[in-house]
């Protein structure tokens, strides 16, 4: 359901590319029995020999990254299955929902701000198209948080743990306008009106 809150594992964006490469093989040389972490080299995604166990084509790699269970906002639930039969093993349908990861602004243990208060105030004023402020919500968000729209991603719905909470209708309409502004620079609808009132209150109440 659009605007529903949930939780799933969220991988960190890979800044320094590291690969999980096979280091030892069984006698057939088709199955790896040991792996090691290595920095991506010139042969990244262009290995000479495929693996059969675990399966890995020559133009594929196992990427080393961290992940953390985080709250997310469902932007779009998984679409219905179109019922197209796969050809040669290629699936057209993947039961994936689009979600926006949510990150805390306050350390829940120390209760200290993770960012300057001046920055958080600017997020609340909707100055940044890539951030959306979220106040605490009992049972869902223990501290003030922000949704990172630039990290919108697809997740398989079976990995999504839904909460019995969703954004209020007026908040959802604001959020729906923000990705359009982020990706196209077009500001319109409820999002445009509300953002302009926050950023330029003098235009609403001229002296």
N, C-alpha and C. Protein backbone atom coordinates (compact mmCIF):
# COMPACT_ATOMS: atom_id res chain seq x y z
N UNK A 1 0.84 -1.19 0.00
CA UNK A 1 0.00 0.00 0.00
C UNK A 1 0.88 1.24 0.00
N UNK A 2 0.58 2.18 -0.87
CA UNK A 2 1.39 3.39 -0.98
C UNK A 2 1.35 4.18 0.33
N UNK A 3 2.52 4.63 0.76
CA UNK A 3 2.62 5.39 1.99
C UNK A 3 2.72 4.55 3.24
N UNK A 4 2.69 3.23 3.09
CA UNK A 4 2.79 2.36 4.27
C UNK A 4 4.24 2.34 4.76
N UNK A 5 4.39 2.24 6.07
CA UNK A 5 5.71 2.12 6.66
C UNK A 5 6.02 0.65 6.91
N UNK A 6 7.26 0.30 6.78
CA UNK A 6 7.67 -1.07 7.01
C UNK A 6 9.14 -1.11 7.35
N UNK A 7 9.69 -2.31 7.30
CA UNK A 7 11.12 -2.48 7.60
C UNK A 7 11.66 -3.59 6.72
N UNK A 8 12.89 -3.39 6.26
CA UNK A 8 13.57 -4.41 5.48
C UNK A 8 15.07 -4.17 5.58
N UNK A 9 15.86 -5.08 5.04
CA UNK A 9 17.30 -4.85 5.06
C UNK A 9 17.64 -3.90 3.92
N UNK A 10 18.51 -2.94 4.22
CA UNK A 10 18.91 -1.92 3.25
C UNK A 10 20.43 -1.96 3.14
N UNK A 11 20.93 -2.17 1.94
CA UNK A 11 22.38 -2.19 1.74
C UNK A 11 22.91 -0.77 1.66
N UNK A 12 24.15 -0.61 2.12
CA UNK A 12 24.80 0.68 1.98
C UNK A 12 25.26 0.85 0.53
N UNK A 13 25.18 2.08 0.03
CA UNK A 13 25.67 2.34 -1.32
C UNK A 13 27.17 2.02 -1.38
N UNK A 14 27.59 1.33 -2.44
CA UNK A 14 28.97 0.89 -2.57
C UNK A 14 29.84 2.02 -3.09
N UNK A 15 30.63 2.60 -2.20
CA UNK A 15 31.53 3.69 -2.60
C UNK A 15 32.86 3.15 -3.07
N UNK A 16 33.45 2.24 -2.30
CA UNK A 16 34.71 1.59 -2.68
C UNK A 16 34.40 0.15 -3.06
N UNK A 17 34.46 -0.13 -4.35
CA UNK A 17 34.03 -1.43 -4.86
C UNK A 17 34.99 -2.54 -4.43
N UNK A 18 34.45 -3.51 -3.68
CA UNK A 18 35.19 -4.70 -3.29
C UNK A 18 34.43 -5.94 -3.77
N UNK A 19 35.17 -6.95 -4.14
CA UNK A 19 34.58 -8.16 -4.69
C UNK A 19 34.86 -9.35 -3.79
N UNK A 20 33.92 -10.29 -3.78
CA UNK A 20 34.08 -11.55 -3.05
C UNK A 20 34.47 -12.60 -4.08
N UNK A 21 35.76 -12.83 -4.22
CA UNK A 21 36.29 -13.65 -5.29
C UNK A 21 36.63 -15.07 -4.81
N UNK A 22 36.41 -16.07 -5.67
CA UNK A 22 36.81 -17.44 -5.31
C UNK A 22 38.33 -17.55 -5.21
N UNK A 23 38.79 -18.25 -4.17
CA UNK A 23 40.23 -18.42 -3.98
C UNK A 23 40.66 -19.87 -4.04
N UNK A 24 39.70 -20.78 -3.88
CA UNK A 24 40.02 -22.22 -3.94
C UNK A 24 38.86 -22.94 -4.58
N UNK A 25 39.16 -23.98 -5.37
CA UNK A 25 38.13 -24.68 -6.12
C UNK A 25 38.19 -26.17 -5.82
N UNK A 26 37.08 -26.86 -6.16
CA UNK A 26 37.09 -28.32 -6.05
C UNK A 26 37.82 -28.88 -7.28
N UNK A 27 38.05 -30.18 -7.34
CA UNK A 27 38.81 -30.74 -8.47
C UNK A 27 38.24 -30.43 -9.84
N UNK A 28 36.93 -30.22 -9.92
CA UNK A 28 36.33 -29.92 -11.23
C UNK A 28 36.61 -28.50 -11.69
N UNK A 29 37.07 -27.64 -10.78
CA UNK A 29 37.30 -26.22 -11.05
C UNK A 29 36.02 -25.45 -11.37
N UNK A 30 34.87 -26.10 -11.14
CA UNK A 30 33.59 -25.46 -11.45
C UNK A 30 32.88 -24.98 -10.19
N UNK A 31 33.35 -25.40 -9.02
CA UNK A 31 32.73 -25.01 -7.77
C UNK A 31 33.79 -24.43 -6.85
N UNK A 32 33.49 -23.30 -6.25
CA UNK A 32 34.43 -22.65 -5.34
C UNK A 32 34.21 -23.18 -3.92
N UNK A 33 35.28 -23.41 -3.23
CA UNK A 33 35.21 -23.90 -1.85
C UNK A 33 35.71 -22.86 -0.86
N UNK A 34 36.28 -21.80 -1.35
CA UNK A 34 36.79 -20.75 -0.47
C UNK A 34 36.77 -19.42 -1.22
N UNK A 35 36.43 -18.36 -0.49
CA UNK A 35 36.38 -17.02 -1.09
C UNK A 35 37.22 -16.06 -0.27
N UNK A 36 37.61 -14.96 -0.89
CA UNK A 36 38.30 -13.89 -0.18
C UNK A 36 37.86 -12.55 -0.75
N UNK A 37 38.05 -11.50 0.05
CA UNK A 37 37.68 -10.15 -0.36
C UNK A 37 38.87 -9.49 -1.05
N UNK A 38 38.59 -8.86 -2.20
CA UNK A 38 39.64 -8.19 -2.93
C UNK A 38 39.11 -6.90 -3.54
N UNK A 39 39.99 -5.94 -3.73
CA UNK A 39 39.59 -4.70 -4.41
C UNK A 39 39.32 -5.01 -5.88
N UNK A 40 38.38 -4.30 -6.47
CA UNK A 40 38.05 -4.50 -7.88
C UNK A 40 39.23 -4.12 -8.75
N UNK A 41 39.61 -5.03 -9.65
CA UNK A 41 40.73 -4.77 -10.55
C UNK A 41 40.26 -4.60 -11.98
N UNK A 42 41.20 -4.71 -12.91
CA UNK A 42 40.89 -4.53 -14.32
C UNK A 42 39.95 -5.60 -14.86
N UNK A 43 39.95 -6.77 -14.22
CA UNK A 43 39.11 -7.87 -14.72
C UNK A 43 37.75 -7.92 -14.02
N UNK A 44 37.38 -6.87 -13.30
CA UNK A 44 36.07 -6.85 -12.64
C UNK A 44 34.97 -6.98 -13.69
N UNK A 45 34.03 -7.88 -13.43
CA UNK A 45 32.92 -8.17 -14.33
C UNK A 45 33.40 -8.67 -15.69
N UNK A 46 34.59 -9.24 -15.71
CA UNK A 46 35.13 -9.79 -16.96
C UNK A 46 36.07 -10.95 -16.64
N UNK A 47 35.60 -11.85 -15.81
CA UNK A 47 36.43 -13.00 -15.42
C UNK A 47 36.54 -13.99 -16.57
N UNK A 48 37.54 -14.84 -16.51
CA UNK A 48 37.80 -15.76 -17.61
C UNK A 48 36.91 -17.00 -17.58
N UNK A 49 36.56 -17.46 -16.36
CA UNK A 49 35.85 -18.73 -16.23
C UNK A 49 34.61 -18.55 -15.36
N UNK A 50 33.46 -19.09 -15.78
CA UNK A 50 32.26 -18.99 -14.94
C UNK A 50 32.30 -19.98 -13.78
N UNK A 51 31.46 -19.75 -12.79
CA UNK A 51 31.30 -20.68 -11.68
C UNK A 51 29.94 -21.36 -11.81
N UNK A 52 29.90 -22.62 -11.45
CA UNK A 52 28.62 -23.33 -11.43
C UNK A 52 28.06 -23.45 -10.02
N UNK A 53 28.93 -23.37 -9.01
CA UNK A 53 28.48 -23.45 -7.62
C UNK A 53 29.42 -22.62 -6.74
N UNK A 54 28.97 -21.51 -6.18
CA UNK A 54 27.68 -20.87 -6.47
C UNK A 54 27.69 -20.29 -7.89
N UNK A 55 26.52 -20.20 -8.49
CA UNK A 55 26.46 -19.80 -9.89
C UNK A 55 26.93 -18.36 -10.07
N UNK A 56 27.81 -18.16 -11.03
CA UNK A 56 28.35 -16.83 -11.30
C UNK A 56 28.89 -16.81 -12.73
N UNK A 57 28.27 -15.99 -13.57
CA UNK A 57 28.73 -15.88 -14.95
C UNK A 57 29.99 -15.02 -15.01
N UNK A 58 30.66 -15.05 -16.14
CA UNK A 58 31.92 -14.31 -16.26
C UNK A 58 31.73 -12.80 -16.20
N UNK A 59 30.53 -12.33 -16.53
CA UNK A 59 30.26 -10.89 -16.47
C UNK A 59 29.52 -10.50 -15.19
N UNK A 60 29.60 -11.35 -14.17
CA UNK A 60 28.96 -11.09 -12.87
C UNK A 60 30.01 -11.13 -11.77
N UNK A 61 29.67 -10.50 -10.65
CA UNK A 61 30.55 -10.51 -9.48
C UNK A 61 29.70 -10.57 -8.22
N UNK A 62 30.25 -11.15 -7.16
CA UNK A 62 29.68 -11.01 -5.82
C UNK A 62 30.25 -9.73 -5.22
N UNK A 63 29.37 -8.77 -4.91
CA UNK A 63 29.81 -7.49 -4.36
C UNK A 63 29.82 -7.56 -2.83
N UNK A 64 30.86 -7.02 -2.23
CA UNK A 64 30.97 -6.97 -0.77
C UNK A 64 30.34 -5.67 -0.30
N UNK A 65 29.31 -5.77 0.50
CA UNK A 65 28.67 -4.58 1.02
C UNK A 65 28.05 -4.89 2.37
N UNK A 66 27.77 -3.85 3.12
CA UNK A 66 27.08 -4.02 4.40
C UNK A 66 25.60 -3.72 4.22
N UNK A 67 24.81 -4.23 5.15
CA UNK A 67 23.38 -3.97 5.12
C UNK A 67 22.87 -3.83 6.55
N UNK A 68 21.75 -3.14 6.67
CA UNK A 68 21.16 -2.92 7.99
C UNK A 68 19.65 -2.91 7.86
N UNK A 69 18.96 -3.45 8.85
CA UNK A 69 17.50 -3.41 8.84
C UNK A 69 17.06 -1.99 9.19
N UNK A 70 16.27 -1.39 8.30
CA UNK A 70 15.85 -0.02 8.48
C UNK A 70 14.35 0.12 8.20
N UNK A 71 13.75 1.17 8.77
CA UNK A 71 12.39 1.51 8.35
C UNK A 71 12.42 1.99 6.90
N UNK A 72 11.33 1.78 6.20
CA UNK A 72 11.20 2.26 4.82
C UNK A 72 9.78 2.75 4.61
N UNK A 73 9.61 3.59 3.59
CA UNK A 73 8.29 4.04 3.16
C UNK A 73 8.00 3.39 1.82
N UNK A 74 6.87 2.72 1.70
CA UNK A 74 6.50 2.09 0.43
C UNK A 74 5.98 3.17 -0.52
N UNK A 75 6.69 3.36 -1.62
CA UNK A 75 6.28 4.31 -2.65
C UNK A 75 5.30 3.65 -3.62
N UNK A 76 5.59 2.39 -3.94
CA UNK A 76 4.72 1.65 -4.85
C UNK A 76 4.79 0.17 -4.50
N UNK A 77 3.66 -0.47 -4.22
CA UNK A 77 3.69 -1.91 -3.97
C UNK A 77 4.01 -2.67 -5.24
N UNK A 78 4.28 -3.95 -5.11
CA UNK A 78 4.59 -4.76 -6.29
C UNK A 78 3.40 -4.79 -7.24
N UNK A 79 3.64 -4.63 -8.54
CA UNK A 79 2.54 -4.69 -9.51
C UNK A 79 2.03 -6.12 -9.64
N UNK A 80 0.84 -6.30 -10.19
CA UNK A 80 0.33 -7.66 -10.38
C UNK A 80 1.15 -8.43 -11.42
N UNK A 81 1.16 -9.71 -11.29
CA UNK A 81 1.87 -10.58 -12.22
C UNK A 81 1.18 -10.54 -13.58
N UNK A 82 1.88 -10.14 -14.65
CA UNK A 82 1.24 -10.09 -15.97
C UNK A 82 1.00 -11.46 -16.58
N UNK A 83 1.56 -12.49 -15.96
CA UNK A 83 1.31 -13.85 -16.46
C UNK A 83 2.07 -14.19 -17.72
N UNK A 84 3.23 -13.57 -17.94
CA UNK A 84 4.05 -13.86 -19.11
C UNK A 84 5.01 -15.00 -18.79
N UNK A 85 4.92 -16.07 -19.55
CA UNK A 85 5.80 -17.21 -19.32
C UNK A 85 7.24 -16.87 -19.69
N UNK A 86 8.22 -17.26 -18.87
CA UNK A 86 9.62 -16.94 -19.18
C UNK A 86 10.14 -17.77 -20.34
N UNK A 87 11.07 -17.21 -21.09
CA UNK A 87 11.75 -17.91 -22.17
C UNK A 87 13.22 -18.05 -21.82
N UNK A 88 13.74 -19.25 -21.96
CA UNK A 88 15.15 -19.52 -21.70
C UNK A 88 15.58 -19.03 -20.31
N UNK A 89 14.68 -19.19 -19.34
CA UNK A 89 15.02 -18.89 -17.96
C UNK A 89 14.90 -17.44 -17.55
N UNK A 90 14.52 -16.54 -18.46
CA UNK A 90 14.42 -15.12 -18.13
C UNK A 90 13.03 -14.81 -17.59
N UNK A 91 12.97 -14.27 -16.38
CA UNK A 91 11.68 -13.92 -15.76
C UNK A 91 11.32 -12.48 -16.07
N UNK A 92 10.09 -12.26 -16.50
CA UNK A 92 9.63 -10.90 -16.70
C UNK A 92 9.07 -10.30 -15.41
N UNK A 93 8.52 -11.17 -14.56
CA UNK A 93 7.88 -10.67 -13.33
C UNK A 93 8.75 -10.89 -12.12
N UNK A 94 8.91 -9.84 -11.36
CA UNK A 94 9.59 -9.91 -10.08
C UNK A 94 8.72 -9.18 -9.07
N UNK A 95 8.38 -9.86 -8.00
CA UNK A 95 7.46 -9.29 -7.01
C UNK A 95 8.21 -8.28 -6.13
N UNK A 96 8.43 -7.10 -6.71
CA UNK A 96 9.26 -6.10 -6.04
C UNK A 96 8.48 -4.82 -5.82
N UNK A 97 8.64 -4.25 -4.62
CA UNK A 97 8.04 -2.96 -4.27
C UNK A 97 9.13 -1.90 -4.28
N UNK A 98 8.73 -0.66 -4.55
CA UNK A 98 9.65 0.46 -4.47
C UNK A 98 9.54 1.11 -3.10
N UNK A 99 10.67 1.30 -2.44
CA UNK A 99 10.67 1.85 -1.09
C UNK A 99 11.73 2.93 -0.95
N UNK A 100 11.51 3.83 0.01
CA UNK A 100 12.48 4.87 0.35
C UNK A 100 13.05 4.54 1.74
N UNK A 101 14.35 4.35 1.88
CA UNK A 101 14.94 4.07 3.19
C UNK A 101 14.85 5.27 4.12
N UNK A 102 14.72 4.98 5.40
CA UNK A 102 14.60 6.01 6.43
C UNK A 102 15.80 5.90 7.38
N UNK A 103 16.44 7.03 7.67
CA UNK A 103 17.62 7.08 8.52
C UNK A 103 17.35 8.00 9.71
N UNK A 104 17.84 7.61 10.87
CA UNK A 104 17.61 8.41 12.07
C UNK A 104 18.49 9.65 12.07
N UNK A 105 17.98 10.73 12.65
CA UNK A 105 18.72 11.97 12.81
C UNK A 105 19.34 12.10 14.20
N UNK A 106 18.90 11.23 15.10
CA UNK A 106 19.36 11.27 16.48
C UNK A 106 19.82 9.87 16.88
N UNK A 107 20.94 9.79 17.58
CA UNK A 107 21.41 8.49 18.08
C UNK A 107 20.45 8.03 19.17
N UNK A 108 19.76 6.89 18.98
CA UNK A 108 18.76 6.48 19.97
C UNK A 108 19.35 6.10 21.33
N UNK A 109 20.65 5.83 21.37
CA UNK A 109 21.30 5.44 22.63
C UNK A 109 21.77 6.67 23.41
N UNK A 110 22.53 7.53 22.73
CA UNK A 110 23.08 8.71 23.40
C UNK A 110 22.14 9.91 23.34
N UNK A 111 21.14 9.85 22.45
CA UNK A 111 20.18 10.93 22.23
C UNK A 111 20.86 12.19 21.70
N UNK A 112 22.01 12.02 21.08
CA UNK A 112 22.72 13.15 20.49
C UNK A 112 22.37 13.26 19.01
N UNK A 113 22.33 14.50 18.53
CA UNK A 113 22.07 14.72 17.12
C UNK A 113 23.22 14.18 16.27
N UNK A 114 22.87 13.56 15.15
CA UNK A 114 23.90 13.08 14.24
C UNK A 114 24.36 14.16 13.26
N UNK A 115 23.56 15.19 13.13
CA UNK A 115 23.85 16.27 12.19
C UNK A 115 23.56 17.60 12.88
N UNK A 116 24.12 18.70 12.36
CA UNK A 116 23.86 20.01 12.97
C UNK A 116 22.37 20.33 12.97
N UNK A 117 21.92 20.96 14.03
CA UNK A 117 20.51 21.32 14.15
C UNK A 117 20.08 22.25 13.02
N UNK A 118 21.01 23.09 12.56
CA UNK A 118 20.68 24.00 11.46
C UNK A 118 20.34 23.22 10.18
N UNK A 119 21.05 22.11 9.95
CA UNK A 119 20.76 21.28 8.79
C UNK A 119 19.39 20.61 8.93
N UNK A 120 19.08 20.10 10.12
CA UNK A 120 17.80 19.44 10.35
C UNK A 120 16.65 20.42 10.14
N UNK A 121 16.85 21.66 10.59
CA UNK A 121 15.82 22.68 10.36
C UNK A 121 15.60 22.92 8.87
N UNK A 122 16.66 22.90 8.09
CA UNK A 122 16.54 23.10 6.65
C UNK A 122 15.84 21.91 5.99
N UNK A 123 16.06 20.71 6.52
CA UNK A 123 15.33 19.53 6.01
C UNK A 123 13.84 19.68 6.30
N UNK A 124 13.52 20.15 7.49
CA UNK A 124 12.11 20.34 7.86
C UNK A 124 11.44 21.39 6.98
N UNK A 125 12.22 22.33 6.50
CA UNK A 125 11.70 23.37 5.62
C UNK A 125 11.61 22.90 4.17
N UNK A 126 11.97 21.64 3.93
CA UNK A 126 11.90 21.03 2.60
C UNK A 126 12.82 21.73 1.60
N UNK A 127 13.95 22.21 2.11
CA UNK A 127 14.90 22.90 1.23
C UNK A 127 15.58 21.92 0.28
N UNK A 128 15.81 20.69 0.75
CA UNK A 128 16.54 19.71 -0.05
C UNK A 128 15.58 18.72 -0.69
N UNK A 129 15.56 18.60 -2.02
CA UNK A 129 14.63 17.67 -2.66
C UNK A 129 14.93 16.21 -2.39
N UNK A 130 16.15 15.89 -1.93
CA UNK A 130 16.50 14.50 -1.70
C UNK A 130 16.19 14.01 -0.28
N UNK A 131 15.74 14.92 0.61
CA UNK A 131 15.46 14.55 1.99
C UNK A 131 14.02 14.91 2.35
N UNK A 132 13.41 14.05 3.19
CA UNK A 132 12.04 14.29 3.67
C UNK A 132 12.02 14.03 5.16
N UNK A 133 11.66 15.04 5.94
CA UNK A 133 11.69 14.94 7.41
C UNK A 133 10.52 14.11 7.92
N UNK A 134 10.83 13.27 8.92
CA UNK A 134 9.80 12.45 9.57
C UNK A 134 9.92 12.60 11.08
N UNK A 135 8.87 13.04 11.76
CA UNK A 135 8.92 13.15 13.23
C UNK A 135 8.84 11.77 13.87
N UNK A 136 9.14 11.67 15.17
CA UNK A 136 9.01 10.38 15.85
C UNK A 136 7.59 9.85 15.78
N UNK A 137 7.48 8.53 15.72
CA UNK A 137 6.18 7.86 15.69
C UNK A 137 6.29 6.62 16.57
N UNK A 138 5.54 6.57 17.70
CA UNK A 138 5.64 5.42 18.61
C UNK A 138 5.44 4.09 17.88
N UNK A 139 6.34 3.16 18.15
CA UNK A 139 6.24 1.84 17.56
C UNK A 139 6.84 1.73 16.18
N UNK A 140 7.25 2.87 15.60
CA UNK A 140 7.82 2.85 14.25
C UNK A 140 9.16 3.59 14.22
N UNK A 141 9.12 4.88 14.58
CA UNK A 141 10.32 5.70 14.59
C UNK A 141 10.50 6.25 16.00
N UNK A 142 11.55 5.84 16.67
CA UNK A 142 11.75 6.26 18.05
C UNK A 142 12.33 7.66 18.14
N UNK A 143 12.95 8.13 17.06
CA UNK A 143 13.59 9.45 17.05
C UNK A 143 13.27 10.15 15.73
N UNK A 144 13.47 11.48 15.66
CA UNK A 144 13.30 12.17 14.37
C UNK A 144 14.18 11.54 13.31
N UNK A 145 13.66 11.45 12.09
CA UNK A 145 14.36 10.74 11.02
C UNK A 145 14.18 11.48 9.71
N UNK A 146 14.92 11.02 8.70
CA UNK A 146 14.71 11.55 7.36
C UNK A 146 14.69 10.41 6.36
N UNK A 147 13.84 10.57 5.36
CA UNK A 147 13.79 9.63 4.25
C UNK A 147 14.73 10.14 3.16
N UNK A 148 15.58 9.25 2.67
CA UNK A 148 16.53 9.62 1.62
C UNK A 148 15.95 9.23 0.26
N UNK A 149 15.34 10.18 -0.42
CA UNK A 149 14.67 9.88 -1.67
C UNK A 149 15.65 9.46 -2.76
N UNK A 150 16.88 9.97 -2.70
CA UNK A 150 17.87 9.61 -3.72
C UNK A 150 18.29 8.15 -3.60
N UNK A 151 17.92 7.48 -2.51
CA UNK A 151 18.26 6.07 -2.33
C UNK A 151 17.03 5.17 -2.50
N UNK A 152 16.02 5.67 -3.18
CA UNK A 152 14.85 4.85 -3.50
C UNK A 152 15.31 3.58 -4.19
N UNK A 153 14.69 2.45 -3.84
CA UNK A 153 15.15 1.17 -4.38
C UNK A 153 14.02 0.16 -4.44
N UNK A 154 14.28 -0.92 -5.16
CA UNK A 154 13.32 -2.02 -5.26
C UNK A 154 13.71 -3.12 -4.28
N UNK A 155 12.72 -3.67 -3.58
CA UNK A 155 12.95 -4.80 -2.67
C UNK A 155 11.89 -5.85 -2.93
N UNK A 156 12.25 -7.10 -2.78
CA UNK A 156 11.28 -8.17 -2.92
C UNK A 156 10.30 -8.09 -1.74
N UNK A 157 9.01 -8.11 -2.05
CA UNK A 157 8.00 -7.95 -1.00
C UNK A 157 8.10 -8.99 0.12
N UNK A 158 8.48 -10.25 -0.15
CA UNK A 158 8.62 -11.18 0.97
C UNK A 158 9.64 -10.75 2.02
N UNK A 159 10.58 -9.87 1.64
CA UNK A 159 11.57 -9.37 2.61
C UNK A 159 11.08 -8.12 3.33
N UNK A 160 9.89 -7.65 2.99
CA UNK A 160 9.38 -6.41 3.56
C UNK A 160 8.42 -6.73 4.72
N UNK A 161 8.79 -6.26 5.90
CA UNK A 161 7.95 -6.43 7.09
C UNK A 161 7.07 -5.19 7.25
N UNK A 162 5.78 -5.27 6.95
CA UNK A 162 4.94 -4.08 7.02
C UNK A 162 4.59 -3.71 8.45
N UNK A 163 4.53 -2.41 8.72
CA UNK A 163 4.04 -1.91 9.99
C UNK A 163 2.56 -1.55 9.86
N UNK A 164 1.89 -1.53 10.98
CA UNK A 164 0.48 -1.12 10.97
C UNK A 164 0.40 0.40 11.05
N UNK A 165 1.13 1.05 10.17
CA UNK A 165 1.18 2.50 10.12
C UNK A 165 1.34 2.92 8.66
N UNK A 166 0.78 4.04 8.33
CA UNK A 166 1.00 4.62 7.02
C UNK A 166 0.97 6.14 7.14
N UNK A 167 1.57 6.81 6.18
CA UNK A 167 1.58 8.26 6.20
C UNK A 167 0.16 8.79 6.06
N UNK A 168 -0.11 9.91 6.74
CA UNK A 168 -1.39 10.57 6.55
C UNK A 168 -1.55 10.97 5.09
N UNK A 169 -2.77 11.05 4.63
CA UNK A 169 -3.04 11.31 3.22
C UNK A 169 -2.35 12.58 2.74
N UNK A 170 -2.42 13.66 3.53
CA UNK A 170 -1.82 14.91 3.10
C UNK A 170 -0.31 14.82 3.05
N UNK A 171 0.29 14.05 3.97
CA UNK A 171 1.74 13.86 3.96
C UNK A 171 2.15 13.01 2.77
N UNK A 172 1.37 11.98 2.48
CA UNK A 172 1.67 11.13 1.33
C UNK A 172 1.64 11.92 0.03
N UNK A 173 0.70 12.84 -0.11
CA UNK A 173 0.63 13.64 -1.33
C UNK A 173 1.86 14.53 -1.46
N UNK A 174 2.33 15.06 -0.33
CA UNK A 174 3.56 15.86 -0.38
C UNK A 174 4.74 15.00 -0.82
N UNK A 175 4.86 13.83 -0.23
CA UNK A 175 5.97 12.95 -0.56
C UNK A 175 5.93 12.51 -2.02
N UNK A 176 4.74 12.28 -2.56
CA UNK A 176 4.63 11.84 -3.95
C UNK A 176 5.11 12.91 -4.92
N UNK A 177 4.98 14.19 -4.54
CA UNK A 177 5.45 15.25 -5.42
C UNK A 177 6.94 15.46 -5.37
N UNK A 178 7.59 14.97 -4.31
CA UNK A 178 9.01 15.27 -4.14
C UNK A 178 9.91 14.48 -5.09
N UNK A 179 9.68 13.18 -5.35
CA UNK A 179 10.53 12.48 -6.33
C UNK A 179 10.47 13.12 -7.71
N UNK A 180 9.30 13.63 -8.10
CA UNK A 180 9.20 14.32 -9.39
C UNK A 180 10.09 15.57 -9.40
N UNK A 181 10.07 16.31 -8.30
CA UNK A 181 10.92 17.50 -8.20
C UNK A 181 12.39 17.12 -8.21
N UNK A 182 12.71 16.02 -7.52
CA UNK A 182 14.10 15.57 -7.45
C UNK A 182 14.62 15.15 -8.82
N UNK A 183 13.81 14.45 -9.59
CA UNK A 183 14.27 13.88 -10.85
C UNK A 183 14.09 14.79 -12.06
N UNK A 184 13.15 15.73 -11.98
CA UNK A 184 12.87 16.57 -13.14
C UNK A 184 13.03 18.07 -12.87
N UNK A 185 13.05 18.46 -11.60
CA UNK A 185 13.09 19.87 -11.26
C UNK A 185 11.74 20.55 -11.34
N UNK A 186 10.68 19.78 -11.62
CA UNK A 186 9.33 20.33 -11.71
C UNK A 186 8.67 20.28 -10.35
N UNK A 187 8.27 21.42 -9.84
CA UNK A 187 7.59 21.51 -8.55
C UNK A 187 6.14 21.91 -8.80
N UNK A 188 5.22 21.05 -8.36
CA UNK A 188 3.81 21.33 -8.63
C UNK A 188 2.93 20.68 -7.58
N UNK A 189 1.63 20.99 -7.65
CA UNK A 189 0.65 20.37 -6.77
C UNK A 189 0.83 20.74 -5.31
N UNK A 190 0.35 19.85 -4.42
CA UNK A 190 0.43 20.10 -2.99
C UNK A 190 1.87 20.29 -2.52
N UNK A 191 2.78 19.53 -3.13
CA UNK A 191 4.18 19.65 -2.74
C UNK A 191 4.69 21.07 -2.99
N UNK A 192 4.39 21.61 -4.16
CA UNK A 192 4.85 22.96 -4.51
C UNK A 192 4.27 24.00 -3.56
N UNK A 193 2.97 23.91 -3.31
CA UNK A 193 2.31 24.90 -2.45
C UNK A 193 2.88 24.88 -1.04
N UNK A 194 3.01 23.68 -0.47
CA UNK A 194 3.48 23.57 0.91
C UNK A 194 4.94 24.00 1.02
N UNK A 195 5.76 23.61 0.07
CA UNK A 195 7.18 23.96 0.12
C UNK A 195 7.37 25.46 -0.02
N UNK A 196 6.61 26.09 -0.91
CA UNK A 196 6.73 27.53 -1.08
C UNK A 196 6.29 28.27 0.18
N UNK A 197 5.27 27.77 0.87
CA UNK A 197 4.83 28.41 2.10
C UNK A 197 5.90 28.32 3.18
N UNK A 198 6.64 27.22 3.20
CA UNK A 198 7.71 27.07 4.19
C UNK A 198 8.92 27.93 3.86
N UNK A 199 9.31 27.93 2.60
CA UNK A 199 10.52 28.64 2.20
C UNK A 199 10.30 30.14 2.01
N UNK A 200 9.09 30.52 1.64
CA UNK A 200 8.82 31.93 1.36
C UNK A 200 7.52 32.39 2.03
N UNK A 201 7.50 32.39 3.36
CA UNK A 201 6.27 32.78 4.07
C UNK A 201 5.88 34.23 3.81
N UNK A 202 6.87 35.06 3.46
CA UNK A 202 6.57 36.47 3.22
C UNK A 202 5.69 36.66 1.98
N UNK A 203 5.75 35.72 1.03
CA UNK A 203 4.92 35.83 -0.16
C UNK A 203 3.47 35.55 0.16
N UNK A 204 3.22 34.76 1.20
CA UNK A 204 1.85 34.45 1.60
C UNK A 204 1.24 35.56 2.42
N UNK A 205 2.08 36.18 3.25
CA UNK A 205 1.58 37.25 4.14
C UNK A 205 2.36 38.54 3.89
N UNK A 206 2.17 39.16 2.73
CA UNK A 206 2.92 40.40 2.45
C UNK A 206 2.44 41.53 3.36
N UNK A 207 3.35 42.41 3.70
CA UNK A 207 3.00 43.53 4.56
C UNK A 207 2.38 44.66 3.73
